Full PDB file with SEQRES, HELIX, SHEET, SSBOND, CRYST1, ORIGX, SCALE, CONECT and MASTER records, all heavy atoms in Angstrom:
SEQRES   1 A   33  SER ASN PRO PHE ASP ALA ILE SER ARG PRO THR PRO ILE          
SEQRES   2 A   33  GLY GLY ALA GLY TYR LYS SER VAL TRP SER ILE PRO TYR          
SEQRES   3 A   33  THR LEU ALA ASP GLY GLN TYR                                  
CRYST1    1.000    1.000    1.000  90.00  90.00  90.00 P 1           1          
ORIGX1      1.000000  0.000000  0.000000        0.00000                         
ORIGX2      0.000000  1.000000  0.000000        0.00000                         
ORIGX3      0.000000  0.000000  1.000000        0.00000                         
SCALE1      1.000000  0.000000  0.000000        0.00000                         
SCALE2      0.000000  1.000000  0.000000        0.00000                         
SCALE3      0.000000  0.000000  1.000000        0.00000                         
ATOM      1  N   SER A   1     124.917 188.286  32.724  1.00  0.00           N  
ATOM      2  CA  SER A   1     123.610 188.092  33.347  1.00  0.00           C  
ATOM      3  C   SER A   1     122.854 186.901  32.783  1.00  0.00           C  
ATOM      4  O   SER A   1     121.778 186.577  33.245  1.00  0.00           O  
ATOM      5  CB  SER A   1     122.757 189.361  33.183  1.00  0.00           C  
ATOM      6  OG  SER A   1     122.445 189.589  31.823  1.00  0.00           O  
ATOM      7  N   ASN A   2     123.414 186.238  31.759  1.00  0.00           N  
ATOM      8  CA  ASN A   2     122.744 185.094  31.143  1.00  0.00           C  
ATOM      9  C   ASN A   2     123.409 183.799  31.609  1.00  0.00           C  
ATOM     10  O   ASN A   2     124.489 183.456  31.147  1.00  0.00           O  
ATOM     11  CB  ASN A   2     122.815 185.204  29.617  1.00  0.00           C  
ATOM     12  CG  ASN A   2     122.019 184.119  28.922  1.00  0.00           C  
ATOM     13  OD1 ASN A   2     121.715 183.074  29.492  1.00  0.00           O  
ATOM     14  ND2 ASN A   2     121.685 184.343  27.665  1.00  0.00           N  
ATOM     15  N   PRO A   3     122.772 183.049  32.540  1.00  0.00           N  
ATOM     16  CA  PRO A   3     123.413 181.835  33.081  1.00  0.00           C  
ATOM     17  C   PRO A   3     123.110 180.580  32.294  1.00  0.00           C  
ATOM     18  O   PRO A   3     123.600 179.504  32.654  1.00  0.00           O  
ATOM     19  CB  PRO A   3     122.785 181.747  34.478  1.00  0.00           C  
ATOM     20  CG  PRO A   3     121.385 182.241  34.275  1.00  0.00           C  
ATOM     21  CD  PRO A   3     121.484 183.341  33.222  1.00  0.00           C  
ATOM     22  N   PHE A   4     122.302 180.675  31.232  1.00  0.00           N  
ATOM     23  CA  PHE A   4     121.814 179.473  30.579  1.00  0.00           C  
ATOM     24  C   PHE A   4     122.499 179.151  29.267  1.00  0.00           C  
ATOM     25  O   PHE A   4     122.877 178.013  29.025  1.00  0.00           O  
ATOM     26  CB  PHE A   4     120.300 179.589  30.313  1.00  0.00           C  
ATOM     27  CG  PHE A   4     119.481 179.651  31.572  1.00  0.00           C  
ATOM     28  CD1 PHE A   4     118.784 180.803  31.898  1.00  0.00           C  
ATOM     29  CD2 PHE A   4     119.401 178.567  32.424  1.00  0.00           C  
ATOM     30  CE1 PHE A   4     118.027 180.864  33.051  1.00  0.00           C  
ATOM     31  CE2 PHE A   4     118.649 178.619  33.586  1.00  0.00           C  
ATOM     32  CZ  PHE A   4     117.963 179.772  33.899  1.00  0.00           C  
ATOM     33  N   ASP A   5     122.630 180.127  28.388  1.00  0.00           N  
ATOM     34  CA  ASP A   5     123.064 179.842  27.025  1.00  0.00           C  
ATOM     35  C   ASP A   5     124.450 179.221  27.003  1.00  0.00           C  
ATOM     36  O   ASP A   5     125.392 179.734  27.583  1.00  0.00           O  
ATOM     37  CB  ASP A   5     123.092 181.124  26.183  1.00  0.00           C  
ATOM     38  CG  ASP A   5     121.699 181.559  25.791  1.00  0.00           C  
ATOM     39  OD1 ASP A   5     120.725 180.878  26.168  1.00  0.00           O  
ATOM     40  OD2 ASP A   5     121.588 182.572  25.106  1.00  0.00           O  
ATOM     41  N   ALA A   6     124.562 178.101  26.315  1.00  0.00           N  
ATOM     42  CA  ALA A   6     125.857 177.453  26.077  1.00  0.00           C  
ATOM     43  C   ALA A   6     125.811 176.828  24.701  1.00  0.00           C  
ATOM     44  O   ALA A   6     124.848 176.148  24.353  1.00  0.00           O  
ATOM     45  CB  ALA A   6     126.133 176.395  27.137  1.00  0.00           C  
ATOM     46  N   ILE A   7     126.827 177.097  23.901  1.00  0.00           N  
ATOM     47  CA  ILE A   7     126.866 176.523  22.564  1.00  0.00           C  
ATOM     48  C   ILE A   7     127.457 175.127  22.665  1.00  0.00           C  
ATOM     49  O   ILE A   7     128.619 174.947  23.005  1.00  0.00           O  
ATOM     50  CB  ILE A   7     127.714 177.391  21.616  1.00  0.00           C  
ATOM     51  CG1 ILE A   7     127.100 178.784  21.498  1.00  0.00           C  
ATOM     52  CG2 ILE A   7     127.830 176.750  20.242  1.00  0.00           C  
ATOM     53  CD1 ILE A   7     127.939 179.755  20.711  1.00  0.00           C  
ATOM     54  N   SER A   8     126.638 174.122  22.404  1.00  0.00           N  
ATOM     55  CA  SER A   8     127.121 172.752  22.497  1.00  0.00           C  
ATOM     56  C   SER A   8     127.357 172.180  21.113  1.00  0.00           C  
ATOM     57  O   SER A   8     128.437 171.726  20.782  1.00  0.00           O  
ATOM     58  CB  SER A   8     126.122 171.877  23.263  1.00  0.00           C  
ATOM     59  OG  SER A   8     124.839 171.948  22.664  1.00  0.00           O  
ATOM     60  N   ARG A   9     126.344 172.217  20.280  1.00  0.00           N  
ATOM     61  CA  ARG A   9     126.465 171.722  18.910  1.00  0.00           C  
ATOM     62  C   ARG A   9     125.248 172.245  18.145  1.00  0.00           C  
ATOM     63  O   ARG A   9     124.264 172.641  18.756  1.00  0.00           O  
ATOM     64  CB  ARG A   9     126.497 170.201  18.890  1.00  0.00           C  
ATOM     65  CG  ARG A   9     125.206 169.536  19.314  1.00  0.00           C  
ATOM     66  CD  ARG A   9     125.346 168.029  19.388  1.00  0.00           C  
ATOM     67  NE  ARG A   9     126.058 167.614  20.571  1.00  0.00           N  
ATOM     68  CZ  ARG A   9     126.309 166.336  20.872  1.00  0.00           C  
ATOM     69  NH1 ARG A   9     125.929 165.395  20.048  1.00  0.00           N  
ATOM     70  NH2 ARG A   9     126.939 166.020  21.971  1.00  0.00           N  
ATOM     71  N   PRO A  10     125.301 172.260  16.822  1.00  0.00           N  
ATOM     72  CA  PRO A  10     124.133 172.705  16.059  1.00  0.00           C  
ATOM     73  C   PRO A  10     122.944 171.783  16.291  1.00  0.00           C  
ATOM     74  O   PRO A  10     123.097 170.629  16.700  1.00  0.00           O  
ATOM     75  CB  PRO A  10     124.608 172.631  14.607  1.00  0.00           C  
ATOM     76  CG  PRO A  10     126.090 172.648  14.681  1.00  0.00           C  
ATOM     77  CD  PRO A  10     126.448 171.956  15.954  1.00  0.00           C  
ATOM     78  N   THR A  11     121.746 172.298  16.029  1.00  0.00           N  
ATOM     79  CA  THR A  11     120.554 171.464  16.105  1.00  0.00           C  
ATOM     80  C   THR A  11     120.720 170.260  15.185  1.00  0.00           C  
ATOM     81  O   THR A  11     121.096 170.419  14.034  1.00  0.00           O  
ATOM     82  CB  THR A  11     119.308 172.264  15.686  1.00  0.00           C  
ATOM     83  OG1 THR A  11     119.184 173.399  16.550  1.00  0.00           O  
ATOM     84  CG2 THR A  11     118.061 171.411  15.775  1.00  0.00           C  
ATOM     85  N   PRO A  12     120.487 169.054  15.686  1.00  0.00           N  
ATOM     86  CA  PRO A  12     120.710 167.866  14.849  1.00  0.00           C  
ATOM     87  C   PRO A  12     119.839 167.881  13.603  1.00  0.00           C  
ATOM     88  O   PRO A  12     118.731 168.409  13.592  1.00  0.00           O  
ATOM     89  CB  PRO A  12     120.308 166.706  15.774  1.00  0.00           C  
ATOM     90  CG  PRO A  12     120.391 167.256  17.148  1.00  0.00           C  
ATOM     91  CD  PRO A  12     120.034 168.700  17.040  1.00  0.00           C  
ATOM     92  N   ILE A  13     120.344 167.299  12.547  1.00  0.00           N  
ATOM     93  CA  ILE A  13     119.568 167.132  11.329  1.00  0.00           C  
ATOM     94  C   ILE A  13     118.407 166.199  11.622  1.00  0.00           C  
ATOM     95  O   ILE A  13     118.526 165.256  12.401  1.00  0.00           O  
ATOM     96  CB  ILE A  13     120.461 166.552  10.204  1.00  0.00           C  
ATOM     97  CG1 ILE A  13     121.584 167.538   9.886  1.00  0.00           C  
ATOM     98  CG2 ILE A  13     119.656 166.237   8.955  1.00  0.00           C  
ATOM     99  CD1 ILE A  13     122.613 166.984   8.918  1.00  0.00           C  
ATOM    100  N   GLY A  14     117.268 166.458  11.001  1.00  0.00           N  
ATOM    101  CA  GLY A  14     116.096 165.621  11.212  1.00  0.00           C  
ATOM    102  C   GLY A  14     116.408 164.149  11.036  1.00  0.00           C  
ATOM    103  O   GLY A  14     117.032 163.747  10.061  1.00  0.00           O  
ATOM    104  N   GLY A  15     115.981 163.335  11.997  1.00  0.00           N  
ATOM    105  CA  GLY A  15     116.239 161.913  11.937  1.00  0.00           C  
ATOM    106  C   GLY A  15     117.454 161.496  12.735  1.00  0.00           C  
ATOM    107  O   GLY A  15     117.617 160.314  13.060  1.00  0.00           O  
ATOM    108  N   ALA A  16     118.331 162.454  13.067  1.00  0.00           N  
ATOM    109  CA  ALA A  16     119.521 162.134  13.851  1.00  0.00           C  
ATOM    110  C   ALA A  16     119.200 162.220  15.338  1.00  0.00           C  
ATOM    111  O   ALA A  16     118.353 162.987  15.765  1.00  0.00           O  
ATOM    112  CB  ALA A  16     120.657 163.085  13.501  1.00  0.00           C  
ATOM    113  N   GLY A  17     119.887 161.420  16.126  1.00  0.00           N  
ATOM    114  CA  GLY A  17     119.682 161.464  17.563  1.00  0.00           C  
ATOM    115  C   GLY A  17     120.518 162.554  18.204  1.00  0.00           C  
ATOM    116  O   GLY A  17     121.518 163.001  17.656  1.00  0.00           O  
ATOM    117  N   TYR A  18     120.099 162.989  19.369  1.00  0.00           N  
ATOM    118  CA  TYR A  18     120.846 163.987  20.138  1.00  0.00           C  
ATOM    119  C   TYR A  18     121.104 163.409  21.513  1.00  0.00           C  
ATOM    120  O   TYR A  18     120.186 162.946  22.189  1.00  0.00           O  
ATOM    121  CB  TYR A  18     120.065 165.294  20.249  1.00  0.00           C  
ATOM    122  CG  TYR A  18     120.805 166.368  21.017  1.00  0.00           C  
ATOM    123  CD1 TYR A  18     121.690 167.228  20.372  1.00  0.00           C  
ATOM    124  CD2 TYR A  18     120.629 166.515  22.381  1.00  0.00           C  
ATOM    125  CE1 TYR A  18     122.373 168.212  21.075  1.00  0.00           C  
ATOM    126  CE2 TYR A  18     121.307 167.492  23.094  1.00  0.00           C  
ATOM    127  CZ  TYR A  18     122.185 168.338  22.432  1.00  0.00           C  
ATOM    128  OH  TYR A  18     122.864 169.297  23.126  1.00  0.00           O  
ATOM    129  N   LYS A  19     122.365 163.433  21.943  1.00  0.00           N  
ATOM    130  CA  LYS A  19     122.749 162.875  23.233  1.00  0.00           C  
ATOM    131  C   LYS A  19     123.486 163.925  24.036  1.00  0.00           C  
ATOM    132  O   LYS A  19     124.400 164.580  23.539  1.00  0.00           O  
ATOM    133  CB  LYS A  19     123.635 161.645  23.037  1.00  0.00           C  
ATOM    134  CG  LYS A  19     124.069 160.973  24.330  1.00  0.00           C  
ATOM    135  CD  LYS A  19     124.930 159.751  24.026  1.00  0.00           C  
ATOM    136  CE  LYS A  19     125.372 159.047  25.301  1.00  0.00           C  
ATOM    137  NZ  LYS A  19     126.230 157.867  25.010  1.00  0.00           N  
ATOM    138  N   SER A  20     123.090 164.091  25.281  1.00  0.00           N  
ATOM    139  CA  SER A  20     123.747 165.043  26.160  1.00  0.00           C  
ATOM    140  C   SER A  20     124.102 164.341  27.464  1.00  0.00           C  
ATOM    141  O   SER A  20     123.329 163.529  27.967  1.00  0.00           O  
ATOM    142  CB  SER A  20     122.821 166.235  26.447  1.00  0.00           C  
ATOM    143  OG  SER A  20     123.450 167.155  27.313  1.00  0.00           O  
ATOM    144  N   VAL A  21     125.275 164.646  27.994  1.00  0.00           N  
ATOM    145  CA  VAL A  21     125.744 164.033  29.234  1.00  0.00           C  
ATOM    146  C   VAL A  21     125.845 165.108  30.298  1.00  0.00           C  
ATOM    147  O   VAL A  21     126.398 166.187  30.065  1.00  0.00           O  
ATOM    148  CB  VAL A  21     127.115 163.357  29.038  1.00  0.00           C  
ATOM    149  CG1 VAL A  21     127.602 162.751  30.344  1.00  0.00           C  
ATOM    150  CG2 VAL A  21     127.039 162.292  27.963  1.00  0.00           C  
ATOM    151  N   TRP A  22     125.299 164.816  31.470  1.00  0.00           N  
ATOM    152  CA  TRP A  22     125.339 165.740  32.600  1.00  0.00           C  
ATOM    153  C   TRP A  22     125.882 165.017  33.817  1.00  0.00           C  
ATOM    154  O   TRP A  22     125.391 163.935  34.165  1.00  0.00           O  
ATOM    155  CB  TRP A  22     123.932 166.283  32.885  1.00  0.00           C  
ATOM    156  CG  TRP A  22     123.856 167.226  34.056  1.00  0.00           C  
ATOM    157  CD1 TRP A  22     124.487 168.423  34.187  1.00  0.00           C  
ATOM    158  CD2 TRP A  22     123.101 167.046  35.258  1.00  0.00           C  
ATOM    159  NE1 TRP A  22     124.163 169.002  35.386  1.00  0.00           N  
ATOM    160  CE2 TRP A  22     123.315 168.180  36.065  1.00  0.00           C  
ATOM    161  CE3 TRP A  22     122.257 166.036  35.722  1.00  0.00           C  
ATOM    162  CZ2 TRP A  22     122.722 168.330  37.320  1.00  0.00           C  
ATOM    163  CZ3 TRP A  22     121.662 166.182  36.964  1.00  0.00           C  
ATOM    164  CH2 TRP A  22     121.891 167.324  37.757  1.00  0.00           C  
ATOM    165  N   SER A  23     126.890 165.586  34.440  1.00  0.00           N  
ATOM    166  CA  SER A  23     127.463 164.985  35.643  1.00  0.00           C  
ATOM    167  C   SER A  23     126.604 165.337  36.851  1.00  0.00           C  
ATOM    168  O   SER A  23     126.409 166.517  37.163  1.00  0.00           O  
ATOM    169  CB  SER A  23     128.894 165.487  35.865  1.00  0.00           C  
ATOM    170  OG  SER A  23     129.746 165.063  34.829  1.00  0.00           O  
ATOM    171  N   ILE A  24     126.086 164.321  37.531  1.00  0.00           N  
ATOM    172  CA  ILE A  24     125.219 164.537  38.686  1.00  0.00           C  
ATOM    173  C   ILE A  24     126.047 165.093  39.843  1.00  0.00           C  
ATOM    174  O   ILE A  24     127.047 164.486  40.245  1.00  0.00           O  
ATOM    175  CB  ILE A  24     124.547 163.221  39.117  1.00  0.00           C  
ATOM    176  CG1 ILE A  24     123.720 162.649  37.956  1.00  0.00           C  
ATOM    177  CG2 ILE A  24     123.679 163.432  40.351  1.00  0.00           C  
ATOM    178  CD1 ILE A  24     123.164 161.266  38.228  1.00  0.00           C  
ATOM    179  N   PRO A  25     125.675 166.242  40.393  1.00  0.00           N  
ATOM    180  CA  PRO A  25     126.446 166.794  41.520  1.00  0.00           C  
ATOM    181  C   PRO A  25     126.387 165.862  42.727  1.00  0.00           C  
ATOM    182  O   PRO A  25     125.379 165.205  42.990  1.00  0.00           O  
ATOM    183  CB  PRO A  25     125.730 168.118  41.819  1.00  0.00           C  
ATOM    184  CG  PRO A  25     124.952 168.438  40.589  1.00  0.00           C  
ATOM    185  CD  PRO A  25     124.574 167.119  39.999  1.00  0.00           C  
ATOM    186  N   TYR A  26     127.491 165.806  43.483  1.00  0.00           N  
ATOM    187  CA  TYR A  26     127.509 164.978  44.683  1.00  0.00           C  
ATOM    188  C   TYR A  26     126.498 165.460  45.713  1.00  0.00           C  
ATOM    189  O   TYR A  26     126.053 164.701  46.573  1.00  0.00           O  
ATOM    190  CB  TYR A  26     128.913 164.978  45.291  1.00  0.00           C  
ATOM    191  CG  TYR A  26     129.925 164.222  44.469  1.00  0.00           C  
ATOM    192  CD1 TYR A  26     130.917 164.903  43.775  1.00  0.00           C  
ATOM    193  CD2 TYR A  26     129.889 162.831  44.391  1.00  0.00           C  
ATOM    194  CE1 TYR A  26     131.852 164.211  43.009  1.00  0.00           C  
ATOM    195  CE2 TYR A  26     130.814 162.139  43.635  1.00  0.00           C  
ATOM    196  CZ  TYR A  26     131.795 162.833  42.951  1.00  0.00           C  
ATOM    197  OH  TYR A  26     132.707 162.143  42.198  1.00  0.00           O  
ATOM    198  N   THR A  27     126.121 166.740  45.649  1.00  0.00           N  
ATOM    199  CA  THR A  27     125.172 167.304  46.618  1.00  0.00           C  
ATOM    200  C   THR A  27     123.727 166.931  46.307  1.00  0.00           C  
ATOM    201  O   THR A  27     122.842 167.211  47.113  1.00  0.00           O  
ATOM    202  CB  THR A  27     125.305 168.834  46.644  1.00  0.00           C  
ATOM    203  OG1 THR A  27     125.135 169.346  45.313  1.00  0.00           O  
ATOM    204  CG2 THR A  27     126.680 169.242  47.149  1.00  0.00           C  
ATOM    205  N   LEU A  28     123.487 166.340  45.147  1.00  0.00           N  
ATOM    206  CA  LEU A  28     122.120 165.965  44.781  1.00  0.00           C  
ATOM    207  C   LEU A  28     121.793 164.617  45.410  1.00  0.00           C  
ATOM    208  O   LEU A  28     122.445 163.607  45.130  1.00  0.00           O  
ATOM    209  CB  LEU A  28     121.979 165.889  43.260  1.00  0.00           C  
ATOM    210  CG  LEU A  28     120.552 165.807  42.708  1.00  0.00           C  
ATOM    211  CD1 LEU A  28     119.774 167.070  43.049  1.00  0.00           C  
ATOM    212  CD2 LEU A  28     120.577 165.605  41.206  1.00  0.00           C  
ATOM    213  N   ALA A  29     120.782 164.593  46.271  1.00  0.00           N  
ATOM    214  CA  ALA A  29     120.458 163.388  47.035  1.00  0.00           C  
ATOM    215  C   ALA A  29     119.904 162.290  46.140  1.00  0.00           C  
ATOM    216  O   ALA A  29     119.282 162.565  45.107  1.00  0.00           O  
ATOM    217  CB  ALA A  29     119.445 163.723  48.124  1.00  0.00           C  
ATOM    218  N   ASP A  30     120.125 161.048  46.524  1.00  0.00           N  
ATOM    219  CA  ASP A  30     119.498 159.935  45.824  1.00  0.00           C  
ATOM    220  C   ASP A  30     117.986 160.035  45.949  1.00  0.00           C  
ATOM    221  O   ASP A  30     117.458 160.569  46.928  1.00  0.00           O  
ATOM    222  CB  ASP A  30     119.963 158.597  46.413  1.00  0.00           C  
ATOM    223  CG  ASP A  30     121.425 158.304  46.112  1.00  0.00           C  
ATOM    224  OD1 ASP A  30     122.002 159.037  45.299  1.00  0.00           O  
ATOM    225  OD2 ASP A  30     121.976 157.357  46.701  1.00  0.00           O  
ATOM    226  N   GLY A  31     117.276 159.529  44.951  1.00  0.00           N  
ATOM    227  CA  GLY A  31     115.818 159.557  45.021  1.00  0.00           C  
ATOM    228  C   GLY A  31     115.189 159.600  43.640  1.00  0.00           C  
ATOM    229  O   GLY A  31     115.842 159.377  42.623  1.00  0.00           O  
ATOM    230  N   GLN A  32     113.891 159.910  43.633  1.00  0.00           N  
ATOM    231  CA  GLN A  32     113.113 159.949  42.402  1.00  0.00           C  
ATOM    232  C   GLN A  32     113.109 161.368  41.823  1.00  0.00           C  
ATOM    233  O   GLN A  32     112.878 162.338  42.548  1.00  0.00           O  
ATOM    234  CB  GLN A  32     111.670 159.503  42.677  1.00  0.00           C  
ATOM    235  CG  GLN A  32     111.549 158.099  43.248  1.00  0.00           C  
ATOM    236  CD  GLN A  32     111.998 157.045  42.261  1.00  0.00           C  
ATOM    237  OE1 GLN A  32     111.754 157.150  41.056  1.00  0.00           O  
ATOM    238  NE2 GLN A  32     112.655 155.991  42.757  1.00  0.00           N  
ATOM    239  N   TYR A  33     113.356 161.472  40.534  1.00  0.00           N  
ATOM    240  CA  TYR A  33     113.381 162.758  39.855  1.00  0.00           C  
ATOM    241  C   TYR A  33     112.605 162.661  38.535  1.00  0.00           C  
ATOM    242  O   TYR A  33     112.238 161.567  38.097  1.00  0.00           O  
ATOM    243  CB  TYR A  33     114.818 163.205  39.582  1.00  0.00           C  
ATOM    244  CG  TYR A  33     115.589 163.549  40.831  1.00  0.00           C  
ATOM    245  CD1 TYR A  33     116.279 162.554  41.536  1.00  0.00           C  
ATOM    246  CD2 TYR A  33     115.619 164.845  41.319  1.00  0.00           C  
ATOM    247  CE1 TYR A  33     116.982 162.853  42.695  1.00  0.00           C  
ATOM    248  CE2 TYR A  33     116.316 165.163  42.472  1.00  0.00           C  
ATOM    249  CZ  TYR A  33     116.998 164.161  43.162  1.00  0.00           C  
ATOM    250  OH  TYR A  33     117.682 164.470  44.308  1.00  0.00           O  
TER     251      TYR A  33                                                      
MASTER        0    0    0    0    0    0    0    6  250    1    0    3          
END                                                                             
């Protein structure tokens, strides 16, 4: 019943950057978001 939780990586150490990549679905129309 939980569609959200996903373990990706631990919370970054302070000062470190965090980068996440998401593949845009083909069904998502071009435009402003």
